[in-house]
Amino acid sequence: MSKPTDMAVYNPANVLDAIIAKLKLKNDAALSRVLEVAPPVISKIRHRTLPIGATILLRMHEVSAISIRELRALMATPAPGASAA
């Protein structure tokens, strides 16, 4: 059984930032245009009021060529104080 400090924390900003960097986009508004979603959707995902759903995850994969597995891994960041394995 793992300790609570070993658990990952959901952080969708990592995914958004990785796609912005890979596609050399300027900001979230540019990302929303590439993903073909309204800008408030990106804002809600970034502020954790809307989870990254399957449809937008697939769209992120299509436009960035980042694997689904890597996108999902980017969503989870180690909890503060978690040991690196």
PDB file of N, CA and C in Angstrom:
ATOM      1  N   MET A   1       0.851  -1.175   0.000  1.00  0.00           N
ATOM      2  CA  MET A   1       0.000   0.000   0.000  1.00  0.00           C
ATOM      3  C   MET A   1       0.897   1.237   0.000  1.00  0.00           C
ATOM      4  N   SER A   2       0.619   2.190  -0.845  1.00  0.00           N
ATOM      5  CA  SER A   2       1.460   3.382  -0.925  1.00  0.00           C
ATOM      6  C   SER A   2       1.012   4.432   0.076  1.00  0.00           C
ATOM      7  N   LYS A   3       1.978   5.242   0.460  1.00  0.00           N
ATOM      8  CA  LYS A   3       1.688   6.338   1.375  1.00  0.00           C
ATOM      9  C   LYS A   3       1.017   7.469   0.612  1.00  0.00           C
ATOM     10  N   PRO A   4       0.223   8.310   1.274  1.00  0.00           N
ATOM     11  CA  PRO A   4      -0.427   9.425   0.592  1.00  0.00           C
ATOM     12  C   PRO A   4       0.570  10.354  -0.087  1.00  0.00           C
ATOM     13  N   THR A   5       1.776  10.486   0.433  1.00  0.00           N
ATOM     14  CA  THR A   5       2.760  11.380  -0.187  1.00  0.00           C
ATOM     15  C   THR A   5       3.303  10.826  -1.488  1.00  0.00           C
ATOM     16  N   ASP A   6       3.106   9.518  -1.753  1.00  0.00           N
ATOM     17  CA  ASP A   6       3.587   8.911  -2.989  1.00  0.00           C
ATOM     18  C   ASP A   6       2.584   9.053  -4.128  1.00  0.00           C
ATOM     19  N   MET A   7       1.414   9.575  -3.838  1.00  0.00           N
ATOM     20  CA  MET A   7       0.374   9.686  -4.851  1.00  0.00           C
ATOM     21  C   MET A   7       0.627  10.896  -5.745  1.00  0.00           C
ATOM     22  N   ALA A   8       0.164  10.795  -6.976  1.00  0.00           N
ATOM     23  CA  ALA A   8       0.289  11.904  -7.916  1.00  0.00           C
ATOM     24  C   ALA A   8      -0.905  12.836  -7.761  1.00  0.00           C
ATOM     25  N   VAL A   9      -0.703  14.080  -8.118  1.00  0.00           N
ATOM     26  CA  VAL A   9      -1.737  15.099  -8.035  1.00  0.00           C
ATOM     27  C   VAL A   9      -2.143  15.486  -9.453  1.00  0.00           C
ATOM     28  N   TYR A  10      -3.447  15.605  -9.688  1.00  0.00           N
ATOM     29  CA  TYR A  10      -3.957  16.002 -11.000  1.00  0.00           C
ATOM     30  C   TYR A  10      -3.575  17.449 -11.273  1.00  0.00           C
ATOM     31  N   ASN A  11      -2.835  17.672 -12.360  1.00  0.00           N
ATOM     32  CA  ASN A  11      -2.418  19.024 -12.720  1.00  0.00           C
ATOM     33  C   ASN A  11      -2.517  19.190 -14.241  1.00  0.00           C
ATOM     34  N   PRO A  12      -3.682  19.609 -14.725  1.00  0.00           N
ATOM     35  CA  PRO A  12      -3.873  19.726 -16.171  1.00  0.00           C
ATOM     36  C   PRO A  12      -3.041  20.836 -16.811  1.00  0.00           C
ATOM     37  N   ALA A  13      -2.552  21.776 -16.026  1.00  0.00           N
ATOM     38  CA  ALA A  13      -1.738  22.861 -16.584  1.00  0.00           C
ATOM     39  C   ALA A  13      -0.482  22.317 -17.255  1.00  0.00           C
ATOM     40  N   ASN A  14       0.053  21.212 -16.735  1.00  0.00           N
ATOM     41  CA  ASN A  14       1.245  20.616 -17.353  1.00  0.00           C
ATOM     42  C   ASN A  14       0.974  20.193 -18.792  1.00  0.00           C
ATOM     43  N   VAL A  15      -0.179  19.598 -19.026  1.00  0.00           N
ATOM     44  CA  VAL A  15      -0.535  19.158 -20.374  1.00  0.00           C
ATOM     45  C   VAL A  15      -0.683  20.359 -21.298  1.00  0.00           C
ATOM     46  N   LEU A  16      -1.414  21.359 -20.838  1.00  0.00           N
ATOM     47  CA  LEU A  16      -1.626  22.551 -21.658  1.00  0.00           C
ATOM     48  C   LEU A  16      -0.295  23.229 -21.980  1.00  0.00           C
ATOM     49  N   ASP A  17       0.562  23.364 -20.974  1.00  0.00           N
ATOM     50  CA  ASP A  17       1.863  24.010 -21.183  1.00  0.00           C
ATOM     51  C   ASP A  17       2.748  23.211 -22.130  1.00  0.00           C
ATOM     52  N   ALA A  18       2.704  21.878 -22.033  1.00  0.00           N
ATOM     53  CA  ALA A  18       3.507  21.033 -22.913  1.00  0.00           C
ATOM     54  C   ALA A  18       3.063  21.180 -24.371  1.00  0.00           C
ATOM     55  N   ILE A  19       1.762  21.238 -24.596  1.00  0.00           N
ATOM     56  CA  ILE A  19       1.259  21.388 -25.970  1.00  0.00           C
ATOM     57  C   ILE A  19       1.590  22.774 -26.503  1.00  0.00           C
ATOM     58  N   ILE A  20       1.421  23.789 -25.675  1.00  0.00           N
ATOM     59  CA  ILE A  20       1.767  25.149 -26.090  1.00  0.00           C
ATOM     60  C   ILE A  20       3.235  25.214 -26.484  1.00  0.00           C
ATOM     61  N   ALA A  21       4.101  24.608 -25.685  1.00  0.00           N
ATOM     62  CA  ALA A  21       5.537  24.623 -25.977  1.00  0.00           C
ATOM     63  C   ALA A  21       5.852  23.843 -27.254  1.00  0.00           C
ATOM     64  N   LYS A  22       5.266  22.655 -27.389  1.00  0.00           N
ATOM     65  CA  LYS A  22       5.556  21.819 -28.560  1.00  0.00           C
ATOM     66  C   LYS A  22       5.107  22.483 -29.858  1.00  0.00           C
ATOM     67  N   LEU A  23       3.953  23.119 -29.820  1.00  0.00           N
ATOM     68  CA  LEU A  23       3.421  23.754 -31.026  1.00  0.00           C
ATOM     69  C   LEU A  23       3.892  25.200 -31.183  1.00  0.00           C
ATOM     70  N   LYS A  24       4.703  25.665 -30.219  1.00  0.00           N
ATOM     71  CA  LYS A  24       5.228  27.030 -30.232  1.00  0.00           C
ATOM     72  C   LYS A  24       4.105  28.070 -30.322  1.00  0.00           C
ATOM     73  N   LEU A  25       3.085  27.855 -29.488  1.00  0.00           N
ATOM     74  CA  LEU A  25       1.959  28.775 -29.448  1.00  0.00           C
ATOM     75  C   LEU A  25       2.241  29.888 -28.458  1.00  0.00           C
ATOM     76  N   LYS A  26       1.534  30.986 -28.612  1.00  0.00           N
ATOM     77  CA  LYS A  26       1.777  32.154 -27.776  1.00  0.00           C
ATOM     78  C   LYS A  26       1.075  32.069 -26.419  1.00  0.00           C
ATOM     79  N   ASN A  27      -0.151  31.534 -26.415  1.00  0.00           N
ATOM     80  CA  ASN A  27      -0.932  31.552 -25.172  1.00  0.00           C
ATOM     81  C   ASN A  27      -2.106  30.572 -25.260  1.00  0.00           C
ATOM     82  N   ASP A  28      -2.943  30.599 -24.231  1.00  0.00           N
ATOM     83  CA  ASP A  28      -4.105  29.704 -24.187  1.00  0.00           C
ATOM     84  C   ASP A  28      -5.109  29.996 -25.297  1.00  0.00           C
ATOM     85  N   ALA A  29      -5.215  31.253 -25.702  1.00  0.00           N
ATOM     86  CA  ALA A  29      -6.148  31.593 -26.784  1.00  0.00           C
ATOM     87  C   ALA A  29      -5.726  30.918 -28.080  1.00  0.00           C
ATOM     88  N   ALA A  30      -4.434  30.919 -28.355  1.00  0.00           N
ATOM     89  CA  ALA A  30      -3.928  30.245 -29.552  1.00  0.00           C
ATOM     90  C   ALA A  30      -4.159  28.736 -29.444  1.00  0.00           C
ATOM     91  N   LEU A  31      -3.973  28.190 -28.253  1.00  0.00           N
ATOM     92  CA  LEU A  31      -4.226  26.765 -28.043  1.00  0.00           C
ATOM     93  C   LEU A  31      -5.694  26.430 -28.290  1.00  0.00           C
ATOM     94  N   SER A  32      -6.583  27.280 -27.818  1.00  0.00           N
ATOM     95  CA  SER A  32      -8.015  27.016 -28.025  1.00  0.00           C
ATOM     96  C   SER A  32      -8.365  27.002 -29.510  1.00  0.00           C
ATOM     97  N   ARG A  33      -7.727  27.877 -30.290  1.00  0.00           N
ATOM     98  CA  ARG A  33      -7.986  27.892 -31.739  1.00  0.00           C
ATOM     99  C   ARG A  33      -7.488  26.600 -32.388  1.00  0.00           C
ATOM    100  N   VAL A  34      -6.295  26.142 -31.987  1.00  0.00           N
ATOM    101  CA  VAL A  34      -5.735  24.920 -32.560  1.00  0.00           C
ATOM    102  C   VAL A  34      -6.588  23.707 -32.185  1.00  0.00           C
ATOM    103  N   LEU A  35      -7.051  23.675 -30.939  1.00  0.00           N
ATOM    104  CA  LEU A  35      -7.869  22.548 -30.484  1.00  0.00           C
ATOM    105  C   LEU A  35      -9.329  22.668 -30.921  1.00  0.00           C
ATOM    106  N   GLU A  36      -9.691  23.828 -31.463  1.00  0.00           N
ATOM    107  CA  GLU A  36     -11.050  24.093 -31.924  1.00  0.00           C
ATOM    108  C   GLU A  36     -12.065  24.006 -30.794  1.00  0.00           C
ATOM    109  N   VAL A  37     -11.707  24.634 -29.670  1.00  0.00           N
ATOM    110  CA  VAL A  37     -12.623  24.753 -28.531  1.00  0.00           C
ATOM    111  C   VAL A  37     -12.677  26.224 -28.137  1.00  0.00           C
ATOM    112  N   ALA A  38     -13.702  26.592 -27.409  1.00  0.00           N
ATOM    113  CA  ALA A  38     -13.841  27.971 -26.951  1.00  0.00           C
ATOM    114  C   ALA A  38     -12.767  28.270 -25.898  1.00  0.00           C
ATOM    115  N   PRO A  39     -12.245  29.495 -25.876  1.00  0.00           N
ATOM    116  CA  PRO A  39     -11.221  29.856 -24.879  1.00  0.00           C
ATOM    117  C   PRO A  39     -11.613  29.560 -23.431  1.00  0.00           C
ATOM    118  N   PRO A  40     -12.884  29.743 -23.043  1.00  0.00           N
ATOM    119  CA  PRO A  40     -13.222  29.415 -21.653  1.00  0.00           C
ATOM    120  C   PRO A  40     -13.018  27.940 -21.299  1.00  0.00           C
ATOM    121  N   VAL A  41     -13.062  27.057 -22.277  1.00  0.00           N
ATOM    122  CA  VAL A  41     -12.829  25.633 -22.014  1.00  0.00           C
ATOM    123  C   VAL A  41     -11.388  25.435 -21.532  1.00  0.00           C
ATOM    124  N   ILE A  42     -10.440  26.071 -22.202  1.00  0.00           N
ATOM    125  CA  ILE A  42      -9.032  25.969 -21.796  1.00  0.00           C
ATOM    126  C   ILE A  42      -8.854  26.571 -20.407  1.00  0.00           C
ATOM    127  N   SER A  43      -9.488  27.702 -20.162  1.00  0.00           N
ATOM    128  CA  SER A  43      -9.387  28.351 -18.856  1.00  0.00           C
ATOM    129  C   SER A  43      -9.942  27.454 -17.756  1.00  0.00           C
ATOM    130  N   LYS A  44     -11.079  26.839 -18.013  1.00  0.00           N
ATOM    131  CA  LYS A  44     -11.697  25.961 -17.009  1.00  0.00           C
ATOM    132  C   LYS A  44     -10.835  24.729 -16.753  1.00  0.00           C
ATOM    133  N   ILE A  45     -10.213  24.197 -17.802  1.00  0.00           N
ATOM    134  CA  ILE A  45      -9.311  23.055 -17.621  1.00  0.00           C
ATOM    135  C   ILE A  45      -8.100  23.490 -16.801  1.00  0.00           C
ATOM    136  N   ARG A  46      -7.517  24.622 -17.141  1.00  0.00           N
ATOM    137  CA  ARG A  46      -6.329  25.118 -16.438  1.00  0.00           C
ATOM    138  C   ARG A  46      -6.622  25.367 -14.957  1.00  0.00           C
ATOM    139  N   HIS A  47      -7.822  25.862 -14.658  1.00  0.00           N
ATOM    140  CA  HIS A  47      -8.177  26.171 -13.269  1.00  0.00           C
ATOM    141  C   HIS A  47      -8.893  25.013 -12.558  1.00  0.00           C
ATOM    142  N   ARG A  48      -8.866  23.842 -13.188  1.00  0.00           N
ATOM    143  CA  ARG A  48      -9.376  22.594 -12.610  1.00  0.00           C
ATOM    144  C   ARG A  48     -10.876  22.595 -12.314  1.00  0.00           C
ATOM    145  N   THR A  49     -11.631  23.400 -13.041  1.00  0.00           N
ATOM    146  CA  THR A  49     -13.084  23.344 -12.870  1.00  0.00           C
ATOM    147  C   THR A  49     -13.717  22.433 -13.914  1.00  0.00           C
ATOM    148  N   LEU A  50     -12.949  22.063 -14.928  1.00  0.00           N
ATOM    149  CA  LEU A  50     -13.414  21.148 -15.971  1.00  0.00           C
ATOM    150  C   LEU A  50     -12.306  20.128 -16.203  1.00  0.00           C
ATOM    151  N   PRO A  51     -12.600  18.851 -16.069  1.00  0.00           N
ATOM    152  CA  PRO A  51     -11.555  17.846 -16.301  1.00  0.00           C
ATOM    153  C   PRO A  51     -11.267  17.692 -17.795  1.00  0.00           C
ATOM    154  N   ILE A  52     -10.107  17.170 -18.092  1.00  0.00           N
ATOM    155  CA  ILE A  52      -9.767  16.865 -19.486  1.00  0.00           C
ATOM    156  C   ILE A  52     -10.513  15.587 -19.843  1.00  0.00           C
ATOM    157  N   GLY A  53     -11.486  15.709 -20.724  1.00  0.00           N
ATOM    158  CA  GLY A  53     -12.286  14.564 -21.132  1.00  0.00           C
ATOM    159  C   GLY A  53     -11.653  13.820 -22.299  1.00  0.00           C
ATOM    160  N   ALA A  54     -12.245  12.701 -22.647  1.00  0.00           N
ATOM    161  CA  ALA A  54     -11.720  11.850 -23.716  1.00  0.00           C
ATOM    162  C   ALA A  54     -11.656  12.574 -25.050  1.00  0.00           C
ATOM    163  N   THR A  55     -12.688  13.352 -25.370  1.00  0.00           N
ATOM    164  CA  THR A  55     -12.736  14.031 -26.668  1.00  0.00           C
ATOM    165  C   THR A  55     -11.611  15.038 -26.811  1.00  0.00           C
ATOM    166  N   ILE A  56     -11.404  15.861 -25.794  1.00  0.00           N
ATOM    167  CA  ILE A  56     -10.348  16.869 -25.894  1.00  0.00           C
ATOM    168  C   ILE A  56      -8.971  16.224 -25.779  1.00  0.00           C
ATOM    169  N   LEU A  57      -8.871  15.129 -25.039  1.00  0.00           N
ATOM    170  CA  LEU A  57      -7.608  14.407 -24.955  1.00  0.00           C
ATOM    171  C   LEU A  57      -7.214  13.873 -26.333  1.00  0.00           C
ATOM    172  N   LEU A  58      -8.177  13.305 -27.047  1.00  0.00           N
ATOM    173  CA  LEU A  58      -7.913  12.823 -28.407  1.00  0.00           C
ATOM    174  C   LEU A  58      -7.518  13.965 -29.333  1.00  0.00           C
ATOM    175  N   ARG A  59      -8.190  15.100 -29.190  1.00  0.00           N
ATOM    176  CA  ARG A  59      -7.855  16.267 -30.027  1.00  0.00           C
ATOM    177  C   ARG A  59      -6.442  16.760 -29.714  1.00  0.00           C
ATOM    178  N   MET A  60      -6.071  16.755 -28.428  1.00  0.00           N
ATOM    179  CA  MET A  60      -4.716  17.149 -28.039  1.00  0.00           C
ATOM    180  C   MET A  60      -3.686  16.232 -28.691  1.00  0.00           C
ATOM    181  N   HIS A  61      -3.987  14.945 -28.703  1.00  0.00           N
ATOM    182  CA  HIS A  61      -3.105  13.967 -29.344  1.00  0.00           C
ATOM    183  C   HIS A  61      -2.998  14.230 -30.846  1.00  0.00           C
ATOM    184  N   GLU A  62      -4.126  14.483 -31.491  1.00  0.00           N
ATOM    185  CA  GLU A  62      -4.134  14.708 -32.936  1.00  0.00           C
ATOM    186  C   GLU A  62      -3.301  15.919 -33.343  1.00  0.00           C
ATOM    187  N   VAL A  63      -3.436  17.021 -32.609  1.00  0.00           N
ATOM    188  CA  VAL A  63      -2.746  18.244 -33.021  1.00  0.00           C
ATOM    189  C   VAL A  63      -1.286  18.293 -32.583  1.00  0.00           C
ATOM    190  N   SER A  64      -0.946  17.569 -31.510  1.00  0.00           N
ATOM    191  CA  SER A  64       0.409  17.663 -30.983  1.00  0.00           C
ATOM    192  C   SER A  64       1.294  16.471 -31.315  1.00  0.00           C
ATOM    193  N   ALA A  65       0.679  15.355 -31.692  1.00  0.00           N
ATOM    194  CA  ALA A  65       1.392  14.104 -31.932  1.00  0.00           C
ATOM    195  C   ALA A  65       2.057  13.569 -30.660  1.00  0.00           C
ATOM    196  N   ILE A  66       1.619  14.045 -29.508  1.00  0.00           N
ATOM    197  CA  ILE A  66       2.065  13.491 -28.227  1.00  0.00           C
ATOM    198  C   ILE A  66       1.158  12.296 -27.941  1.00  0.00           C
ATOM    199  N   SER A  67       1.752  11.182 -27.545  1.00  0.00           N
ATOM    200  CA  SER A  67       0.952   9.976 -27.317  1.00  0.00           C
ATOM    201  C   SER A  67      -0.059  10.195 -26.192  1.00  0.00           C
ATOM    202  N   ILE A  68      -1.139   9.456 -26.256  1.00  0.00           N
ATOM    203  CA  ILE A  68      -2.167   9.520 -25.207  1.00  0.00           C
ATOM    204  C   ILE A  68      -1.537   9.164 -23.861  1.00  0.00           C
ATOM    205  N   ARG A  69      -0.696   8.167 -23.857  1.00  0.00           N
ATOM    206  CA  ARG A  69      -0.034   7.745 -22.621  1.00  0.00           C
ATOM    207  C   ARG A  69       0.783   8.887 -22.027  1.00  0.00           C
ATOM    208  N   GLU A  70       1.529   9.598 -22.868  1.00  0.00           N
ATOM    209  CA  GLU A  70       2.346  10.717 -22.377  1.00  0.00           C
ATOM    210  C   GLU A  70       1.465  11.881 -21.906  1.00  0.00           C
ATOM    211  N   LEU A  71       0.392  12.153 -22.630  1.00  0.00           N
ATOM    212  CA  LEU A  71      -0.528  13.211 -22.209  1.00  0.00           C
ATOM    213  C   LEU A  71      -1.116  12.892 -20.836  1.00  0.00           C
ATOM    214  N   ARG A  72      -1.505  11.643 -20.644  1.00  0.00           N
ATOM    215  CA  ARG A  72      -2.067  11.241 -19.347  1.00  0.00           C
ATOM    216  C   ARG A  72      -1.025  11.324 -18.246  1.00  0.00           C
ATOM    217  N   ALA A  73       0.208  10.976 -18.569  1.00  0.00           N
ATOM    218  CA  ALA A  73       1.285  11.065 -17.577  1.00  0.00           C
ATOM    219  C   ALA A  73       1.549  12.526 -17.208  1.00  0.00           C
ATOM    220  N   LEU A  74       1.439  13.418 -18.172  1.00  0.00           N
ATOM    221  CA  LEU A  74       1.650  14.838 -17.904  1.00  0.00           C
ATOM    222  C   LEU A  74       0.577  15.408 -16.980  1.00  0.00           C
ATOM    223  N   MET A  75      -0.602  14.800 -17.009  1.00  0.00           N
ATOM    224  CA  MET A  75      -1.696  15.278 -16.146  1.00  0.00           C
ATOM    225  C   MET A  75      -1.405  15.035 -14.675  1.00  0.00           C
ATOM    226  N   ALA A  76      -0.614  14.023 -14.391  1.00  0.00           N
ATOM    227  CA  ALA A  76      -0.339  13.671 -12.997  1.00  0.00           C
ATOM    228  C   ALA A  76       1.072  14.115 -12.626  1.00  0.00           C
ATOM    229  N   THR A  77       1.160  14.960 -11.632  1.00  0.00           N
ATOM    230  CA  THR A  77       2.456  15.389 -11.139  1.00  0.00           C
ATOM    231  C   THR A  77       2.660  14.804  -9.749  1.00  0.00           C
ATOM    232  N   PRO A  78       3.886  14.496  -9.415  1.00  0.00           N
ATOM    233  CA  PRO A  78       4.119  13.956  -8.079  1.00  0.00           C
ATOM    234  C   PRO A  78       3.666  14.935  -7.009  1.00  0.00           C
ATOM    235  N   ALA A  79       3.120  14.399  -5.955  1.00  0.00           N
ATOM    236  CA  ALA A  79       2.701  15.246  -4.831  1.00  0.00           C
ATOM    237  C   ALA A  79       3.933  15.860  -4.188  1.00  0.00           C
ATOM    238  N   PRO A  80       3.805  17.039  -3.606  1.00  0.00           N
ATOM    239  CA  PRO A  80       4.942  17.662  -2.935  1.00  0.00           C
ATOM    240  C   PRO A  80       5.507  16.710  -1.870  1.00  0.00           C
ATOM    241  N   GLY A  81       6.799  16.549  -1.890  1.00  0.00           N
ATOM    242  CA  GLY A  81       7.449  15.679  -0.917  1.00  0.00           C
ATOM    243  C   GLY A  81       7.492  14.223  -1.342  1.00  0.00           C
ATOM    244  N   ALA A  82       6.933  13.902  -2.527  1.00  0.00           N
ATOM    245  CA  ALA A  82       6.954  12.526  -2.998  1.00  0.00           C
ATOM    246  C   ALA A  82       8.360  12.184  -3.475  1.00  0.00           C
ATOM    247  N   SER A  83       8.756  10.963  -3.222  1.00  0.00           N
ATOM    248  CA  SER A  83      10.101  10.552  -3.633  1.00  0.00           C
ATOM    249  C   SER A  83      10.081  10.162  -5.109  1.00  0.00           C
ATOM    250  N   ALA A  84      11.167  10.507  -5.807  1.00  0.00           N
ATOM    251  CA  ALA A  84      11.278  10.145  -7.221  1.00  0.00           C
ATOM    252  C   ALA A  84      11.772   8.712  -7.304  1.00  0.00           C
ATOM    253  N   ALA A  85      11.109   7.900  -8.114  1.00  0.00           N
ATOM    254  CA  ALA A  85      11.493   6.498  -8.222  1.00  0.00           C
ATOM    255  C   ALA A  85      12.261   6.270  -9.492  1.00  0.00           C
TER     256      ALA A  85
END
